[in-house]
C-alpha atoms as a PDB file:
ATOM      1  CA  MET A   1     275.863  22.102   5.871  1.00  0.00           C
ATOM      2  CA  GLU A   2     278.620  20.258   7.976  1.00  0.00           C
ATOM      3  CA  VAL A   3     278.910  22.568  11.221  1.00  0.00           C
ATOM      4  CA  SER A   4     281.458  23.616  12.587  1.00  0.00           C
ATOM      5  CA  PRO A   5     283.745  21.894  15.707  1.00  0.00           C
ATOM      6  CA  ILE A   6     283.250  25.378  17.195  1.00  0.00           C
ATOM      7  CA  LYS A   7     278.946  25.124  16.665  1.00  0.00           C
ATOM      8  CA  LYS A   8     278.908  21.502  18.515  1.00  0.00           C
ATOM      9  CA  ILE A   9     281.362  21.830  21.643  1.00  0.00           C
ATOM     10  CA  GLY A  10     278.294  21.488  23.547  1.00  0.00           C
ATOM     11  CA  ALA A  11     276.984  18.062  22.053  1.00  0.00           C
ATOM     12  CA  LYS A  12     277.895  14.775  23.775  1.00  0.00           C
ATOM     13  CA  CYS A  13     280.017  13.381  21.425  1.00  0.00           C
ATOM     14  CA  ALA A  14     282.266  16.520  21.565  1.00  0.00           C
ATOM     15  CA  PRO A  15     285.854  14.868  20.156  1.00  0.00           C
ATOM     16  CA  PRO A  16     289.177  15.654  22.406  1.00  0.00           C
ATOM     17  CA  LEU A  17     290.549  19.195  22.466  1.00  0.00           C
ATOM     18  CA  HIS A  18     293.896  18.128  20.304  1.00  0.00           C
ATOM     19  CA  GLN A  19     291.361  17.198  17.406  1.00  0.00           C
ATOM     20  CA  ARG A  20     288.909  20.144  17.114  1.00  0.00           C
ATOM     21  CA  TYR A  21     290.968  22.722  15.489  1.00  0.00           C
ATOM     22  CA  ARG A  22     292.145  20.597  11.886  1.00  0.00           C
ATOM     23  CA  GLU A  23     288.682  22.247   9.788  1.00  0.00           C
ATOM     24  CA  GLN A  24     289.476  25.333   7.740  1.00  0.00           C
ATOM     25  CA  PRO A  25     289.282  28.026   9.666  1.00  0.00           C
ATOM     26  CA  GLU A  26     286.302  29.961  10.768  1.00  0.00           C
ATOM     27  CA  ARG A  27     286.702  33.842  10.969  1.00  0.00           C
ATOM     28  CA  HIS A  28     285.604  35.489  14.054  1.00  0.00           C
ATOM     29  CA  TRP A  29     286.541  38.716  13.538  1.00  0.00           C
ATOM     30  CA  ALA A  30     284.933  41.805  12.250  1.00  0.00           C
ATOM     31  CA  LYS A  31     286.540  46.197  11.225  1.00  0.00           C
ATOM     32  CA  SER A  32     285.014  48.863  13.118  1.00  0.00           C
ATOM     33  CA  GLN A  33     286.106  52.298  12.472  1.00  0.00           C
ATOM     34  CA  GLY A  34     289.044  51.537  10.413  1.00  0.00           C
ATOM     35  CA  ARG A  35     289.983  48.631  13.439  1.00  0.00           C
ATOM     36  CA  ARG A  36     289.597  45.188  13.475  1.00  0.00           C
ATOM     37  CA  LYS A  37     287.804  43.755  15.922  1.00  0.00           C
ATOM     38  CA  TYR A  38     288.178  40.097  17.137  1.00  0.00           C
ATOM     39  CA  LEU A  39     284.792  38.025  17.978  1.00  0.00           C
ATOM     40  CA  PHE A  40     284.876  36.146  20.803  1.00  0.00           C
ATOM     41  CA  THR A  41     281.494  33.410  20.925  1.00  0.00           C
ATOM     42  CA  ASP A  42     281.286  31.658  24.550  1.00  0.00           C
ATOM     43  CA  GLN A  43     282.598  28.617  23.002  1.00  0.00           C
ATOM     44  CA  ILE A  44     285.908  29.852  21.849  1.00  0.00           C
ATOM     45  CA  ASP A  45     286.156  31.306  25.484  1.00  0.00           C
ATOM     46  CA  GLU A  46     285.450  27.892  26.435  1.00  0.00           C
ATOM     47  CA  PHE A  47     288.003  26.105  24.617  1.00  0.00           C
ATOM     48  CA  VAL A  48     290.494  28.830  26.011  1.00  0.00           C
ATOM     49  CA  ARG A  49     289.296  28.044  29.545  1.00  0.00           C
ATOM     50  CA  GLU A  50     289.856  24.244  29.043  1.00  0.00           C
ATOM     51  CA  ILE A  51     293.597  24.573  27.426  1.00  0.00           C
ATOM     52  CA  TYR A  52     294.801  27.266  30.631  1.00  0.00           C
ATOM     53  CA  LEU A  53     293.046  25.212  32.692  1.00  0.00           C
ATOM     54  CA  ASN A  54     294.546  21.457  31.733  1.00  0.00           C
ATOM     55  CA  HIS A  55     297.799  23.374  32.040  1.00  0.00           C
ATOM     56  CA  PRO A  56     298.177  25.822  34.939  1.00  0.00           C
ATOM     57  CA  GLY A  57     301.312  27.781  35.495  1.00  0.00           C
ATOM     58  CA  ALA A  58     302.673  26.445  31.480  1.00  0.00           C
ATOM     59  CA  ARG A  59     304.811  28.888  30.182  1.00  0.00           C
ATOM     60  CA  THR A  60     303.599  27.603  26.756  1.00  0.00           C
ATOM     61  CA  ARG A  61     300.442  26.146  25.952  1.00  0.00           C
ATOM     62  CA  PRO A  62     300.364  24.628  22.166  1.00  0.00           C
ATOM     63  CA  GLY A  63     296.913  24.757  22.143  1.00  0.00           C
ATOM     64  CA  ILE A  64     295.951  28.366  21.891  1.00  0.00           C
ATOM     65  CA  ARG A  65     298.321  28.578  18.887  1.00  0.00           C
ATOM     66  CA  MET A  66     295.892  24.989  17.119  1.00  0.00           C
ATOM     67  CA  LEU A  67     293.040  27.293  18.264  1.00  0.00           C
ATOM     68  CA  ALA A  68     293.838  30.632  16.663  1.00  0.00           C
ATOM     69  CA  LYS A  69     294.869  28.705  12.806  1.00  0.00           C
ATOM     70  CA  LYS A  70     291.053  26.950  13.884  1.00  0.00           C
ATOM     71  CA  VAL A  71     289.214  30.181  14.399  1.00  0.00           C
ATOM     72  CA  GLY A  72     291.320  32.545  12.327  1.00  0.00           C
ATOM     73  CA  ILE A  73     292.156  34.230  15.499  1.00  0.00           C
ATOM     74  CA  PRO A  74     296.025  35.706  15.948  1.00  0.00           C
ATOM     75  CA  HIS A  75     297.240  33.375  19.272  1.00  0.00           C
ATOM     76  CA  TRP A  76     298.001  36.593  20.747  1.00  0.00           C
ATOM     77  CA  ALA A  77     294.490  38.234  20.889  1.00  0.00           C
ATOM     78  CA  LEU A  78     293.347  34.630  22.085  1.00  0.00           C
ATOM     79  CA  LYS A  79     296.154  35.280  24.968  1.00  0.00           C
ATOM     80  CA  ARG A  80     295.107  38.690  25.401  1.00  0.00           C
ATOM     81  CA  ARG A  81     291.657  37.484  25.950  1.00  0.00           C
ATOM     82  CA  ALA A  82     292.793  34.891  28.526  1.00  0.00           C
ATOM     83  CA  ARG A  83     293.850  37.252  30.067  1.00  0.00           C
ATOM     84  CA  GLU A  84     290.360  39.388  30.395  1.00  0.00           C
ATOM     85  CA  LEU A  85     288.706  35.825  31.835  1.00  0.00           C
ATOM     86  CA  GLY A  86     291.082  36.173  34.594  1.00  0.00           C
ATOM     87  CA  LEU A  87     293.201  32.973  32.812  1.00  0.00           C
ATOM     88  CA  ALA A  88     296.863  34.317  32.206  1.00  0.00           C
ATOM     89  CA  ARG A  89     299.385  33.848  34.441  1.00  0.00           C
ATOM     90  CA  THR A  90     299.882  36.595  36.793  1.00  0.00           C
ATOM     91  CA  LYS A  91     301.241  36.809  39.992  1.00  0.00           C
ATOM     92  CA  GLU A  92     298.339  37.187  42.248  1.00  0.00           C
ATOM     93  CA  LEU A  93     298.748  38.190  46.540  1.00  0.00           C
ATOM     94  CA  PRO A  94     299.254  35.489  49.096  1.00  0.00           C
ATOM     95  CA  TRP A  95     296.193  34.214  50.778  1.00  0.00           C
ATOM     96  CA  SER A  96     294.813  35.811  53.804  1.00  0.00           C
ATOM     97  CA  GLU A  97     294.266  33.574  57.093  1.00  0.00           C
ATOM     98  CA  PRO A  98     290.615  35.078  56.903  1.00  0.00           C
ATOM     99  CA  GLU A  99     290.069  34.204  52.810  1.00  0.00           C
ATOM    100  CA  LEU A 100     291.960  30.462  53.991  1.00  0.00           C
ATOM    101  CA  LYS A 101     288.813  29.906  56.297  1.00  0.00           C
ATOM    102  CA  ILE A 102     285.630  31.021  53.732  1.00  0.00           C
ATOM    103  CA  LEU A 103     287.707  28.660  51.312  1.00  0.00           C
ATOM    104  CA  ALA A 104     287.819  26.388  53.796  1.00  0.00           C
ATOM    105  CA  ARG A 105     284.036  26.728  55.029  1.00  0.00           C
ATOM    106  CA  TYR A 106     282.273  27.155  51.014  1.00  0.00           C
ATOM    107  CA  ALA A 107     284.961  24.539  49.385  1.00  0.00           C
ATOM    108  CA  TRP A 108     282.233  22.387  48.597  1.00  0.00           C
ATOM    109  CA  MET A 109     280.394  24.637  46.691  1.00  0.00           C
ATOM    110  CA  SER A 110     281.410  26.277  42.853  1.00  0.00           C
ATOM    111  CA  ASP A 111     284.623  28.282  41.933  1.00  0.00           C
ATOM    112  CA  GLU A 112     281.961  31.227  40.711  1.00  0.00           C
ATOM    113  CA  ARG A 113     280.064  30.922  43.778  1.00  0.00           C
ATOM    114  CA  ILE A 114     282.938  30.976  45.958  1.00  0.00           C
ATOM    115  CA  ARG A 115     283.941  34.112  44.164  1.00  0.00           C
ATOM    116  CA  LEU A 116     280.931  35.926  45.265  1.00  0.00           C
ATOM    117  CA  LYS A 117     281.560  34.917  48.797  1.00  0.00           C
ATOM    118  CA  LEU A 118     285.429  36.464  48.797  1.00  0.00           C
ATOM    119  CA  LYS A 119     283.563  39.454  47.484  1.00  0.00           C
ATOM    120  CA  SER A 120     281.064  39.924  50.069  1.00  0.00           C
ATOM    121  CA  ALA A 121     283.524  39.616  51.973  1.00  0.00           C
ATOM    122  CA  GLY A 122     285.969  42.595  50.702  1.00  0.00           C
ATOM    123  CA  TYR A 123     288.143  40.025  48.998  1.00  0.00           C
ATOM    124  CA  SER A 124     288.543  39.463  45.082  1.00  0.00           C
ATOM    125  CA  ARG A 125     290.158  36.247  43.599  1.00  0.00           C
ATOM    126  CA  THR A 126     289.665  34.926  40.387  1.00  0.00           C
ATOM    127  CA  VAL A 127     287.884  31.373  39.833  1.00  0.00           C
ATOM    128  CA  THR A 128     290.908  30.467  37.941  1.00  0.00           C
ATOM    129  CA  GLY A 129     293.071  31.466  41.323  1.00  0.00           C
ATOM    130  CA  ILE A 130     289.753  29.403  43.387  1.00  0.00           C
ATOM    131  CA  HIS A 131     290.164  26.623  41.775  1.00  0.00           C
ATOM    132  CA  LEU A 132     293.981  26.075  41.519  1.00  0.00           C
ATOM    133  CA  LYS A 133     294.218  27.282  45.277  1.00  0.00           C
ATOM    134  CA  LEU A 134     291.177  24.201  46.492  1.00  0.00           C
ATOM    135  CA  ARG A 135     293.344  21.855  44.130  1.00  0.00           C
ATOM    136  CA  ARG A 136     296.743  23.335  45.977  1.00  0.00           C
ATOM    137  CA  MET A 137     294.926  22.743  49.329  1.00  0.00           C
ATOM    138  CA  GLN A 138     293.124  19.580  48.449  1.00  0.00           C
ATOM    139  CA  PHE A 139     290.062  20.466  49.275  1.00  0.00           C
ATOM    140  CA  LYS A 140     288.224  18.204  46.400  1.00  0.00           C
ATOM    141  CA  HIS A 141     289.691  15.202  44.606  1.00  0.00           C
ATOM    142  CA  ASP A 142     288.962  16.377  41.015  1.00  0.00           C
ATOM    143  CA  SER A 143     286.325  19.662  40.381  1.00  0.00           C
ATOM    144  CA  SER A 144     283.554  17.360  40.483  1.00  0.00           C
ATOM    145  CA  PHE A 145     284.525  14.953  43.248  1.00  0.00           C
ATOM    146  CA  TYR A 146     285.405  15.190  47.258  1.00  0.00           C
ATOM    147  CA  SER A 147     287.750  12.501  48.822  1.00  0.00           C
ATOM    148  CA  ALA A 148     286.519  11.224  52.202  1.00  0.00           C
ATOM    149  CA  ASN A 149     290.011  13.349  53.981  1.00  0.00           C
ATOM    150  CA  GLY A 150     289.113  16.185  51.731  1.00  0.00           C
ATOM    151  CA  LEU A 151     285.157  16.571  52.903  1.00  0.00           C
ATOM    152  CA  ALA A 152     286.573  16.474  55.983  1.00  0.00           C
ATOM    153  CA  ARG A 153     289.599  18.556  55.965  1.00  0.00           C
ATOM    154  CA  ALA A 154     287.202  21.355  53.585  1.00  0.00           C
ATOM    155  CA  LEU A 155     284.656  21.285  57.120  1.00  0.00           C
ATOM    156  CA  GLY A 156     287.184  21.406  59.588  1.00  0.00           C
ATOM    157  CA  ILE A 157     286.185  18.041  61.684  1.00  0.00           C
ATOM    158  CA  ASP A 158     288.145  14.245  61.658  1.00  0.00           C
ATOM    159  CA  PHE A 159     287.684  12.057  59.209  1.00  0.00           C
ATOM    160  CA  HIS A 160     286.265   9.588  60.888  1.00  0.00           C
ATOM    161  CA  ALA A 161     283.034  11.532  61.694  1.00  0.00           C
ATOM    162  CA  VAL A 162     282.770  11.388  57.354  1.00  0.00           C
ATOM    163  CA  SER A 163     283.386   8.101  58.315  1.00  0.00           C
ATOM    164  CA  ARG A 164     280.529   6.952  60.508  1.00  0.00           C
ATOM    165  CA  TRP A 165     278.452   8.973  58.239  1.00  0.00           C
ATOM    166  CA  ILE A 166     279.238   6.657  55.367  1.00  0.00           C
ATOM    167  CA  LYS A 167     278.342   3.775  56.871  1.00  0.00           C
ATOM    168  CA  ARG A 168     275.693   5.045  58.609  1.00  0.00           C
ATOM    169  CA  GLY A 169     274.495   5.492  55.098  1.00  0.00           C
ATOM    170  CA  HIS A 170     273.670   9.145  55.956  1.00  0.00           C
ATOM    171  CA  LEU A 171     276.366  10.414  53.085  1.00  0.00           C
ATOM    172  CA  LYS A 172     275.662   8.687  49.819  1.00  0.00           C
ATOM    173  CA  VAL A 173     280.141   8.320  47.866  1.00  0.00           C
ATOM    174  CA  LYS A 174     281.039   6.178  45.388  1.00  0.00           C
ATOM    175  CA  LEU A 175     284.474   3.764  45.171  1.00  0.00           C
ATOM    176  CA  ARG A 176     287.020   5.330  42.975  1.00  0.00           C
ATOM    177  CA  GLY A 177     288.018   1.482  42.397  1.00  0.00           C
ATOM    178  CA  THR A 178     292.238   1.355  43.490  1.00  0.00           C
ATOM    179  CA  ALA A 179     293.646  -1.652  44.276  1.00  0.00           C
ATOM    180  CA  ARG A 180     294.087  -0.378  47.970  1.00  0.00           C
ATOM    181  CA  ARG A 181     293.881  -3.023  50.660  1.00  0.00           C
ATOM    182  CA  GLU A 182     291.666  -3.218  53.851  1.00  0.00           C
ATOM    183  CA  GLN A 183     295.102  -2.376  55.506  1.00  0.00           C
ATOM    184  CA  GLN A 184     295.142   0.589  54.015  1.00  0.00           C
ATOM    185  CA  ASN A 185     291.455   1.681  54.648  1.00  0.00           C
ATOM    186  CA  GLY A 186     290.277   0.121  51.940  1.00  0.00           C
ATOM    187  CA  ASP A 187     288.818   2.024  48.425  1.00  0.00           C
ATOM    188  CA  ILE A 188     289.072   5.857  47.655  1.00  0.00           C
ATOM    189  CA  TYR A 189     285.482   7.403  48.834  1.00  0.00           C
ATOM    190  CA  LEU A 190     284.104  10.123  46.343  1.00  0.00           C
ATOM    191  CA  ILE A 191     281.623  11.743  47.396  1.00  0.00           C
ATOM    192  CA  ARG A 192     279.416  14.621  44.596  1.00  0.00           C
ATOM    193  CA  GLU A 193     278.809  17.954  45.809  1.00  0.00           C
ATOM    194  CA  LYS A 194     275.256  17.911  45.500  1.00  0.00           C
ATOM    195  CA  ASP A 195     275.542  14.639  48.016  1.00  0.00           C
ATOM    196  CA  VAL A 196     276.943  17.030  50.386  1.00  0.00           C
ATOM    197  CA  ARG A 197     274.814  19.432  49.477  1.00  0.00           C
ATOM    198  CA  ARG A 198     272.309  16.994  50.426  1.00  0.00           C
ATOM    199  CA  PHE A 199     273.515  15.710  53.846  1.00  0.00           C
ATOM    200  CA  ILE A 200     274.060  19.196  55.176  1.00  0.00           C
ATOM    201  CA  LEU A 201     270.388  20.080  54.687  1.00  0.00           C
ATOM    202  CA  GLU A 202     269.457  17.480  55.963  1.00  0.00           C
ATOM    203  CA  HIS A 203     271.645  16.632  58.575  1.00  0.00           C
ATOM    204  CA  PRO A 204     272.029  20.111  60.203  1.00  0.00           C
ATOM    205  CA  HIS A 205     272.972  18.810  63.424  1.00  0.00           C
ATOM    206  CA  ARG A 206     275.380  15.941  62.461  1.00  0.00           C
ATOM    207  CA  ASN A 207     277.978  14.174  64.551  1.00  0.00           C
END
């Protein structure tokens, strides 16, 4: 029996997003008391998140209609689901100074853990809002790595301190593989979150 691509999303070789909706639709709805109720699986939620995070702030997202055709759920229901997941475009309140300090202090954590840190301090932000704010403020180079400058800003320290930790071998890095010359400070460092955590635990009194 052929397994639907929706079921194989966790596999190593999952096809690109635009190729995942070409099979015959797989219905994800049930009727309850005469009213149709749509069932959203973890895989469908993952598709919706991917579409919205890859097109932040976009007015239209063609991927939603492609997904709707694949899973047999109307595009308006998928958009409503995006709002429930905190993904839809909404007008968020400006970030306060205390919120930004929390964001900078815990930028090395996952977006969900940052959300919980903000919540414990009395602030409510969505994971998507946190992710986009981190990206705008360039605390992180991407979702998995920091640049040396981004890490320095996140920790509130001078870039040269981070460079010193790297040269001493205290902080593990990867090179991005750019063509930057020595006069441009050489290649760009990419620093994994887990290596930042390890460094902080092993060198609590860093200097």
